[in-house]
């Protein structure tokens, strides 16, 4: 995957998902359980990513040394930050749903776009982190 694709695919995937959601005409259920579950998932992912960021930056492996010596470290930090912020935004969007009519189509579009963005950013960071952790150390 090219660096350009790696940077923008989470947002493209979220936009495509939103367009499919809109084309099919799905509405959010009017139950608060969905909002509570969404808020919980967003908070768990935010905590996981913040912890993973701390662990990743503290690694002293060969691959992290190589990443630190290139410009890719700024991309990696940006990806983790985007994932954390989109997870926090998903929490706020889900919380906001308690104060408005969550079955309105505009809220549903915002909720699905932010949720898909969060999921795609999480997948991007997780894939990169797993590649870093799987990278063999030199003896």
Protein backbone atom coordinates (compact mmCIF):
# COMPACT_ATOMS: atom_id res chain seq x y z
CA UNK A 1 0.00 0.00 0.00
CA UNK A 2 1.38 3.38 -0.94
CA UNK A 3 1.83 6.06 1.70
CA UNK A 4 -0.82 8.20 -0.01
CA UNK A 5 -3.34 5.34 0.12
CA UNK A 6 -2.37 4.56 3.71
CA UNK A 7 -3.04 8.17 4.71
CA UNK A 8 -6.49 8.54 3.18
CA UNK A 9 -8.16 5.12 2.94
CA UNK A 10 -9.91 5.32 6.34
CA UNK A 11 -11.76 8.46 5.30
CA UNK A 12 -12.55 7.14 1.83
CA UNK A 13 -13.88 3.90 3.35
CA UNK A 14 -16.03 5.86 5.82
CA UNK A 15 -17.43 8.03 3.01
CA UNK A 16 -18.23 4.98 0.89
CA UNK A 17 -19.89 3.34 3.89
CA UNK A 18 -21.94 6.49 4.51
CA UNK A 19 -23.07 6.58 0.88
CA UNK A 20 -24.10 2.91 1.06
CA UNK A 21 -25.93 3.59 4.35
CA UNK A 22 -27.77 6.49 2.73
CA UNK A 23 -28.54 4.58 -0.48
CA UNK A 24 -30.03 1.67 1.46
CA UNK A 25 -31.96 4.10 3.65
CA UNK A 26 -31.10 2.67 7.05
CA UNK A 27 -32.16 4.64 10.12
CA UNK A 28 -30.70 4.33 13.58
CA UNK A 29 -32.90 2.43 16.01
CA UNK A 30 -34.60 4.59 18.62
CA UNK A 31 -33.16 2.57 21.50
CA UNK A 32 -30.68 4.07 23.93
CA UNK A 33 -28.81 0.76 24.15
CA UNK A 34 -27.13 1.50 20.83
CA UNK A 35 -25.87 4.85 22.07
CA UNK A 36 -24.64 3.38 25.36
CA UNK A 37 -22.85 0.56 23.55
CA UNK A 38 -21.34 3.01 21.06
CA UNK A 39 -20.10 5.23 23.85
CA UNK A 40 -18.53 2.22 25.59
CA UNK A 41 -16.84 0.98 22.42
CA UNK A 42 -15.46 4.44 21.64
CA UNK A 43 -14.08 4.80 25.17
CA UNK A 44 -12.48 1.34 25.13
CA UNK A 45 -10.83 1.97 21.77
CA UNK A 46 -9.60 5.39 22.91
CA UNK A 47 -8.01 3.85 26.01
CA UNK A 48 -6.48 1.02 24.02
CA UNK A 49 -4.96 3.39 21.47
CA UNK A 50 -3.55 5.73 24.11
CA UNK A 51 -1.92 2.77 25.87
CA UNK A 52 -0.65 1.32 22.60
CA UNK A 53 0.87 4.70 21.69
CA UNK A 54 2.80 4.79 24.95
CA UNK A 55 4.04 1.22 24.52
CA UNK A 56 4.97 1.72 20.88
CA UNK A 57 6.93 4.89 21.53
CA UNK A 58 8.81 3.18 24.37
CA UNK A 59 9.89 0.22 22.23
CA UNK A 60 13.59 0.05 21.58
CA UNK A 61 13.48 -2.57 18.85
CA UNK A 62 15.40 -2.46 15.57
CA UNK A 63 12.30 -1.58 13.59
CA UNK A 64 11.44 1.33 15.92
CA UNK A 65 15.00 2.61 15.60
CA UNK A 66 14.63 2.50 11.82
CA UNK A 67 11.25 4.25 11.99
CA UNK A 68 12.67 6.96 14.25
CA UNK A 69 15.47 7.60 11.74
CA UNK A 70 12.97 8.24 8.92
CA UNK A 71 10.10 10.62 8.33
CA UNK A 72 7.62 7.78 8.86
CA UNK A 73 7.55 8.38 12.63
CA UNK A 74 5.59 11.59 12.10
CA UNK A 75 3.10 9.66 9.93
CA UNK A 76 2.79 6.94 12.56
CA UNK A 77 2.20 9.45 15.35
CA UNK A 78 -0.34 11.23 13.14
CA UNK A 79 -2.20 7.96 12.47
CA UNK A 80 -2.37 7.16 16.17
CA UNK A 81 -3.54 10.70 16.96
CA UNK A 82 -6.21 10.52 14.25
CA UNK A 83 -7.42 7.20 15.64
CA UNK A 84 -7.57 8.56 19.21
CA UNK A 85 -9.35 11.77 18.18
CA UNK A 86 -11.86 9.95 15.96
CA UNK A 87 -12.61 7.58 18.86
CA UNK A 88 -13.16 10.51 21.20
CA UNK A 89 -15.34 12.19 18.60
CA UNK A 90 -17.40 9.00 18.30
CA UNK A 91 -17.90 9.07 22.09
CA UNK A 92 -19.12 12.68 21.91
CA UNK A 93 -21.40 11.99 18.94
CA UNK A 94 -22.88 9.01 20.78
CA UNK A 95 -23.31 11.05 23.96
CA UNK A 96 -24.94 13.87 21.98
CA UNK A 97 -27.55 11.38 20.78
CA UNK A 98 -29.06 11.33 24.27
CA UNK A 99 -30.02 14.99 23.94
CA UNK A 100 -31.52 14.99 20.46
CA UNK A 101 -33.68 12.69 18.38
CA UNK A 102 -31.16 10.00 17.39
CA UNK A 103 -33.47 8.62 14.70
CA UNK A 104 -33.13 11.77 12.56
CA UNK A 105 -31.35 11.04 9.30
CA UNK A 106 -28.74 13.80 9.75
CA UNK A 107 -27.68 12.43 13.14
CA UNK A 108 -27.60 8.93 11.66
CA UNK A 109 -25.32 10.09 8.86
CA UNK A 110 -22.96 11.81 11.29
CA UNK A 111 -23.00 8.80 13.63
CA UNK A 112 -22.25 6.26 10.88
CA UNK A 113 -19.54 8.40 9.25
CA UNK A 114 -17.73 9.08 12.52
CA UNK A 115 -18.16 5.44 13.60
CA UNK A 116 -16.76 4.11 10.33
CA UNK A 117 -13.92 6.64 10.46
CA UNK A 118 -13.08 5.49 13.98
CA UNK A 119 -13.17 1.83 12.95
CA UNK A 120 -11.04 2.39 9.85
CA UNK A 121 -8.49 4.48 11.76
CA UNK A 122 -8.34 1.77 14.42
CA UNK A 123 -7.76 -0.91 11.77
CA UNK A 124 -5.01 1.17 10.13
CA UNK A 125 -3.14 1.71 13.40
CA UNK A 126 -3.61 -1.90 14.51
CA UNK A 127 -2.26 -3.27 11.22
CA UNK A 128 0.82 -1.06 11.43
CA UNK A 129 1.44 -1.88 15.08
CA UNK A 130 1.14 -5.61 14.45
CA UNK A 131 3.66 -5.33 11.61
CA UNK A 132 6.05 -3.52 13.94
CA UNK A 133 5.61 -6.10 16.69
CA UNK A 134 6.04 -9.01 14.26
CA UNK A 135 9.20 -7.57 12.75
CA UNK A 136 12.07 -9.84 13.80
CA UNK A 137 14.86 -8.36 15.88
CA UNK A 138 18.40 -8.78 14.73
CA UNK A 139 20.54 -10.89 17.07
